[in-house]
C-alpha atoms as a PDB file:
ATOM      1  CA  MET A   1     -14.770  -2.893   5.032  1.00  0.00           C
ATOM      2  CA  LYS A   2     -13.552  -2.330   1.776  1.00  0.00           C
ATOM      3  CA  THR A   3     -10.310  -3.817  -0.130  1.00  0.00           C
ATOM      4  CA  LEU A   4      -8.122  -1.529  -2.074  1.00  0.00           C
ATOM      5  CA  LYS A   5      -5.518  -2.479  -4.579  1.00  0.00           C
ATOM      6  CA  PHE A   6      -2.505  -0.566  -6.212  1.00  0.00           C
ATOM      7  CA  LYS A   7       0.319  -1.263  -8.400  1.00  0.00           C
ATOM      8  CA  THR A   8       3.509  -0.297  -6.627  1.00  0.00           C
ATOM      9  CA  ASN A   9       7.019  -0.704  -7.255  1.00  0.00           C
ATOM     10  CA  ILE A  10       7.448  -2.312  -3.901  1.00  0.00           C
ATOM     11  CA  LYS A  11       9.452  -5.533  -5.145  1.00  0.00           C
ATOM     12  CA  CYS A  12      10.947  -6.910  -2.033  1.00  0.00           C
ATOM     13  CA  THR A  13      10.673  -7.991   1.390  1.00  0.00           C
ATOM     14  CA  GLY A  14      13.056  -4.542   2.291  1.00  0.00           C
ATOM     15  CA  CYS A  15      10.665  -2.537   0.369  1.00  0.00           C
ATOM     16  CA  VAL A  16       8.030  -3.676   2.533  1.00  0.00           C
ATOM     17  CA  ALA A  17       9.953  -3.182   5.542  1.00  0.00           C
ATOM     18  CA  LYS A  18      10.283   0.410   4.460  1.00  0.00           C
ATOM     19  CA  VAL A  19       6.609   1.380   3.523  1.00  0.00           C
ATOM     20  CA  THR A  20       5.405  -0.639   6.988  1.00  0.00           C
ATOM     21  CA  PRO A  21       6.035   1.808   9.538  1.00  0.00           C
ATOM     22  CA  PHE A  22       4.401   4.496   6.895  1.00  0.00           C
ATOM     23  CA  LEU A  23       1.068   2.451   6.097  1.00  0.00           C
ATOM     24  CA  ASN A  24       0.942   0.932   9.656  1.00  0.00           C
ATOM     25  CA  ASP A  25       1.047   4.832  10.992  1.00  0.00           C
ATOM     26  CA  GLU A  26      -2.252   6.067   8.587  1.00  0.00           C
ATOM     27  CA  LYS A  27      -5.597   5.814  10.560  1.00  0.00           C
ATOM     28  CA  GLY A  28      -8.353   3.875   9.047  1.00  0.00           C
ATOM     29  CA  ILE A  29      -6.257   0.954   7.672  1.00  0.00           C
ATOM     30  CA  GLU A  30      -6.658  -2.131   8.935  1.00  0.00           C
ATOM     31  CA  LYS A  31      -4.725  -4.244   7.213  1.00  0.00           C
ATOM     32  CA  TRP A  32      -2.704  -4.364   4.133  1.00  0.00           C
ATOM     33  CA  ASP A  33      -0.136  -6.683   1.992  1.00  0.00           C
ATOM     34  CA  VAL A  34       2.149  -6.768  -0.649  1.00  0.00           C
ATOM     35  CA  ASP A  35       1.809  -9.365  -3.158  1.00  0.00           C
ATOM     36  CA  ILE A  36       5.789  -9.128  -4.556  1.00  0.00           C
ATOM     37  CA  PHE A  37       5.713 -11.921  -6.611  1.00  0.00           C
ATOM     38  CA  ASN A  38       3.117 -10.299  -8.910  1.00  0.00           C
ATOM     39  CA  PRO A  39       4.175  -8.923 -11.798  1.00  0.00           C
ATOM     40  CA  GLU A  40       2.636  -5.581 -10.767  1.00  0.00           C
ATOM     41  CA  LYS A  41       3.497  -5.626  -7.555  1.00  0.00           C
ATOM     42  CA  ILE A  42      -0.090  -5.674  -5.968  1.00  0.00           C
ATOM     43  CA  LEU A  43      -0.726  -3.967  -2.826  1.00  0.00           C
ATOM     44  CA  SER A  44      -3.969  -4.687  -1.060  1.00  0.00           C
ATOM     45  CA  VAL A  45      -5.471  -2.793   2.063  1.00  0.00           C
ATOM     46  CA  GLU A  46      -8.542  -3.625   4.070  1.00  0.00           C
ATOM     47  CA  THR A  47     -10.309  -0.299   5.345  1.00  0.00           C
ATOM     48  CA  ASP A  48     -13.083   1.474   6.703  1.00  0.00           C
ATOM     49  CA  GLY A  49     -12.887   4.266   4.227  1.00  0.00           C
ATOM     50  CA  ILE A  50      -9.519   6.005   4.338  1.00  0.00           C
ATOM     51  CA  ASN A  51      -9.659   8.108   1.215  1.00  0.00           C
ATOM     52  CA  PRO A  52      -7.208   5.788  -1.332  1.00  0.00           C
ATOM     53  CA  ASP A  53      -4.936   9.202  -2.101  1.00  0.00           C
ATOM     54  CA  LYS A  54      -3.981   9.258   1.765  1.00  0.00           C
ATOM     55  CA  ILE A  55      -2.576   5.604   1.038  1.00  0.00           C
ATOM     56  CA  ILE A  56      -0.824   6.923  -2.176  1.00  0.00           C
ATOM     57  CA  GLU A  57       0.875   9.510   0.357  1.00  0.00           C
ATOM     58  CA  ALA A  58       2.323   7.576   2.569  1.00  0.00           C
ATOM     59  CA  ILE A  59       3.607   4.851  -0.073  1.00  0.00           C
ATOM     60  CA  GLU A  60       5.274   7.991  -2.286  1.00  0.00           C
ATOM     61  CA  LYS A  61       6.653   9.287   1.552  1.00  0.00           C
ATOM     62  CA  ALA A  62       8.409   5.824   2.203  1.00  0.00           C
ATOM     63  CA  GLY A  63      10.106   6.507  -1.594  1.00  0.00           C
ATOM     64  CA  PHE A  64       7.708   4.451  -3.865  1.00  0.00           C
ATOM     65  CA  LYS A  65       5.053   4.830  -6.077  1.00  0.00           C
ATOM     66  CA  ALA A  66       1.658   3.096  -6.369  1.00  0.00           C
ATOM     67  CA  GLU A  67      -1.006   3.732  -8.361  1.00  0.00           C
ATOM     68  CA  LYS A  68      -4.742   2.638  -7.996  1.00  0.00           C
ATOM     69  CA  THR A  69      -6.521  -0.092  -9.667  1.00  0.00           C
ATOM     70  CA  SER A  70      -9.902  -0.573 -10.557  1.00  0.00           C
END
């Protein structure tokens, strides 16, 4: 299991609620969390090997932006 991190523009609990069904529907995501109190709004995703691009796609489908961090 590895953890991927993304900078996002998910800034409130309402935004988290909007992305929840998109991230929960992605196969390969075990657990995820957005730190809305971090200035970079970091999304952490625990995964068994999903392609980071699939996570970014899911975020974009929900109407937000995400960028993989190192």
